[in-house]
Protein backbone atom coordinates (compact mmCIF):
# COMPACT_ATOMS: atom_id res chain seq x y z
CA SER A 1 53.04 -70.39 57.11
CA SER A 2 54.04 -66.71 57.06
CA GLY A 3 54.01 -66.73 60.88
CA ILE A 4 56.40 -69.70 60.93
CA ASN A 5 58.69 -68.00 58.41
CA ALA A 6 58.73 -64.83 60.49
CA GLU A 7 59.30 -66.62 63.79
CA TYR A 8 62.14 -68.86 62.71
CA GLY A 9 63.54 -67.15 59.65
CA GLY A 10 63.28 -63.53 60.73
CA LEU A 11 61.28 -62.71 57.60
CA PRO A 12 58.68 -59.92 57.54
CA TRP A 13 55.08 -60.60 58.50
CA LEU A 14 52.65 -61.13 55.66
CA CYS A 15 49.48 -60.59 57.68
CA ALA A 16 47.76 -57.74 59.51
CA ASP A 17 49.65 -57.91 62.80
CA SER A 18 51.03 -54.39 62.59
CA VAL A 19 49.42 -52.96 65.76
CA ARG A 20 50.37 -55.95 67.88
CA THR A 21 53.84 -56.14 66.38
CA MET A 22 54.55 -52.42 66.89
CA THR A 23 53.27 -52.55 70.47
CA HIS A 24 55.42 -55.61 71.10
CA MET A 25 58.46 -53.86 69.65
CA ARG A 26 57.88 -50.82 71.90
CA THR A 27 57.78 -53.03 74.99
CA LEU A 28 61.12 -54.58 74.06
CA THR A 29 62.82 -51.21 73.42
CA VAL A 30 65.34 -49.95 75.98
CA TYR A 31 65.78 -46.17 76.17
CA SER A 32 68.59 -44.14 77.71
CA ARG A 33 67.99 -43.21 81.35
CA TYR A 34 70.12 -40.11 81.46
CA TYR A 35 69.35 -37.17 79.20
CA ALA A 36 69.22 -33.39 79.46
CA PRO A 37 65.96 -31.70 80.50
CA GLY A 38 63.73 -31.19 77.48
CA GLU A 39 65.61 -33.82 75.48
CA LYS A 40 63.88 -37.07 74.60
CA PRO A 41 65.44 -40.39 75.60
CA ARG A 42 67.43 -42.19 72.90
CA VAL A 43 66.85 -45.80 71.86
CA LEU A 44 69.79 -47.82 73.15
CA TYR A 45 68.72 -51.19 71.78
CA ILE A 46 65.77 -53.48 71.22
CA HIS A 47 65.74 -56.92 72.83
CA GLU A 48 65.70 -59.60 70.17
CA GLN A 49 63.44 -62.47 71.14
CA ARG A 50 60.74 -64.59 69.57
CA VAL A 51 59.31 -66.35 72.61
CA THR A 52 56.21 -64.17 72.87
CA ILE A 53 55.42 -64.54 69.18
CA ILE A 54 55.61 -68.34 69.48
CA LEU A 55 53.45 -68.27 72.64
CA VAL A 56 50.81 -66.07 70.97
CA HIS A 57 50.54 -68.47 68.04
CA LEU A 58 50.42 -71.49 70.35
CA LEU A 59 47.60 -69.88 72.35
CA VAL A 60 45.71 -69.10 69.15
CA GLY A 61 46.09 -72.74 68.13
CA VAL A 62 44.90 -73.98 71.54
CA PHE A 63 41.84 -71.74 71.40
CA LEU A 64 40.97 -73.09 67.97
CA LEU A 65 40.67 -76.52 69.58
CA PHE A 66 38.00 -75.17 71.95
CA PRO A 67 35.44 -73.27 69.85
CA ALA A 68 32.94 -73.21 72.75
CA VAL A 69 35.32 -71.00 74.74
CA ILE A 70 35.69 -68.59 71.83
CA GLN A 71 31.92 -68.45 71.29
CA SER A 72 31.35 -67.61 74.97
CA ILE A 73 33.44 -64.43 74.68
CA PRO A 74 31.27 -61.46 73.66
CA LEU A 75 32.32 -59.87 70.36
CA ALA A 76 32.66 -56.50 72.13
CA VAL A 77 35.65 -57.79 74.14
CA PRO A 78 38.10 -58.43 71.26
CA LEU A 79 36.79 -55.40 69.36
CA GLY A 80 37.43 -53.25 72.44
CA VAL A 81 40.96 -54.63 72.77
CA PHE A 82 41.67 -53.94 69.11
CA LEU A 83 40.22 -50.44 69.38
CA PHE A 84 42.36 -49.75 72.45
CA LEU A 85 45.54 -51.00 70.73
CA GLY A 86 44.70 -48.96 67.63
CA PHE A 87 44.25 -45.74 69.61
CA LEU A 88 47.38 -46.49 71.62
CA SER A 89 49.45 -46.79 68.46
CA LEU A 90 48.06 -43.53 67.01
CA SER A 91 49.86 -41.39 69.60
CA GLY A 92 53.25 -41.91 67.98
CA LEU A 93 52.22 -41.08 64.41
CA GLN A 94 53.44 -37.78 62.97
CA PHE A 95 50.25 -37.50 60.89
CA VAL A 96 48.13 -37.49 64.06
CA LYS A 97 50.35 -34.85 65.63
CA ARG A 98 50.11 -32.68 62.51
CA PHE A 99 46.32 -33.19 62.37
CA GLN A 100 46.04 -31.95 65.97
CA MET A 101 48.15 -28.95 65.00
CA LEU A 102 45.47 -27.94 62.46
CA PHE A 103 43.30 -26.90 65.41
CA MET A 104 45.86 -24.96 67.45
CA SER A 105 47.59 -21.64 67.12
CA SER A 106 51.11 -21.80 65.69
CA LYS A 107 52.55 -20.30 68.85
CA TYR A 108 51.44 -23.44 70.71
CA PHE A 109 53.00 -25.90 68.25
CA PRO A 110 55.21 -28.56 69.85
CA ASP A 111 58.92 -28.26 69.15
CA TYR A 112 59.45 -30.76 66.34
CA SER A 113 62.05 -30.46 63.60
CA PHE A 114 59.37 -29.98 60.93
CA THR A 115 57.76 -27.09 62.88
CA ARG A 116 61.11 -25.33 62.96
CA LYS A 117 62.01 -25.91 59.31
CA ILE A 118 58.71 -25.65 57.42
CA ARG A 119 56.12 -22.88 57.22
CA THR A 120 52.79 -23.48 58.95
CA GLY A 121 50.79 -23.20 55.71
CA LYS A 122 52.85 -25.93 54.06
CA ILE A 123 52.47 -28.21 57.10
CA HIS A 124 48.70 -27.73 57.06
CA MET A 125 48.44 -28.22 53.29
CA PHE A 126 50.42 -31.49 53.48
CA THR A 127 48.26 -32.71 56.38
CA ILE A 128 44.99 -31.83 54.63
CA ILE A 129 46.10 -33.65 51.47
CA GLN A 130 46.99 -36.72 53.52
CA PHE A 131 43.67 -36.53 55.37
CA VAL A 132 41.69 -36.28 52.12
CA MET A 133 43.58 -39.27 50.73
CA CYS A 134 42.82 -41.29 53.89
CA VAL A 135 39.12 -40.40 53.73
CA MET A 136 39.06 -41.26 50.03
CA MET A 137 40.69 -44.65 50.70
CA PHE A 138 38.27 -45.37 53.54
CA GLY A 139 35.34 -44.40 51.30
CA ILE A 140 36.55 -46.71 48.56
CA LYS A 141 36.98 -49.51 51.09
CA LEU A 142 33.35 -49.16 52.20
CA SER A 143 31.88 -48.71 48.71
CA PRO A 144 30.81 -51.35 46.16
CA VAL A 145 34.08 -50.76 44.27
CA SER A 146 36.11 -52.04 47.24
CA PRO A 147 37.75 -54.80 45.15
CA LEU A 148 39.65 -51.95 43.46
CA PHE A 149 41.17 -50.91 46.80
CA PRO A 150 44.68 -52.28 46.03
CA ILE A 151 44.76 -50.34 42.75
CA CYS A 152 43.72 -47.17 44.60
CA ALA A 153 46.43 -47.80 47.20
CA ILE A 154 48.99 -47.99 44.40
CA GLY A 155 47.54 -44.75 42.99
CA VAL A 156 48.02 -43.05 46.35
CA ALA A 157 51.64 -44.23 46.44
CA ILE A 158 52.21 -42.90 42.92
CA PHE A 159 50.60 -39.58 43.86
CA ARG A 160 52.79 -39.40 46.96
CA ARG A 161 55.90 -40.00 44.88
CA TYR A 162 55.18 -37.75 41.88
CA GLY A 163 52.25 -35.46 42.72
CA MET A 164 53.50 -34.30 46.09
CA SER A 165 56.90 -33.47 44.64
CA ARG A 166 55.21 -30.81 42.49
CA LEU A 167 53.70 -29.12 45.55
CA PHE A 168 56.53 -29.56 48.05
CA SER A 169 60.31 -29.54 47.92
CA GLN A 170 62.18 -32.76 48.65
CA GLU A 171 63.38 -31.33 51.98
CA GLU A 172 59.78 -30.57 53.00
CA ILE A 173 58.66 -34.08 52.03
CA ASN A 174 61.55 -35.62 53.97
CA GLU A 175 60.54 -33.65 57.08
CA LEU A 176 56.77 -34.11 56.80
CA ASP A 177 56.74 -37.72 55.62
CA PRO A 178 60.05 -39.32 56.60
CA GLU A 179 61.00 -42.73 55.26
CA GLU A 180 61.70 -43.95 58.80
CA SER A 181 59.37 -42.91 61.60
CA GLY A 182 62.03 -43.28 64.28
CA SER A 183 63.43 -39.77 64.07
CA GLU A 184 64.20 -38.14 67.39
CA ASP A 185 61.55 -35.44 67.07
CA ASP A 186 58.70 -37.66 65.97
CA SER A 187 59.00 -40.64 68.28
CA ASP A 188 56.84 -41.03 71.34
CA HIS A 189 58.58 -42.09 74.53
CA GLU A 190 56.57 -42.64 77.66
């Protein structure tokens, strides 16, 4: 029912379609064609349409009517597709870019706004804290206490809001963990 609400009512998705939805949004995005050398293209607009979402759900429904077809597909095929889409979506994340920067000299850092405004040590400290929190969440998810995962996720959000503000200024937090990931320096245009 959440899919129907999202398709017809424009409401947010209530299921784990984030990779597919973000990839779909990127394909519908139109960027500027003319820009100065070294400047990234700007988003002009995003086509608004729901046809592909309806078709995907119709195809899922059709396949549910034919379980023999689904059973004939090796499990490695959908897992490979999901793995590919997951890795594809990682390239645009600022966290991944900052994690890669942990292993390079500061003179080779890409020209992002946070590399110009924040010291290297602070960037690395923020990235390491985020990495430790991700590893901790993944460990909890795989452990016998995994039913407590939502509570731990809330704890991470509380730590991000109150704990990080003790270690970093608000300007540093805004640069290193922006509310919207569509800033000009952190987006990935291909």
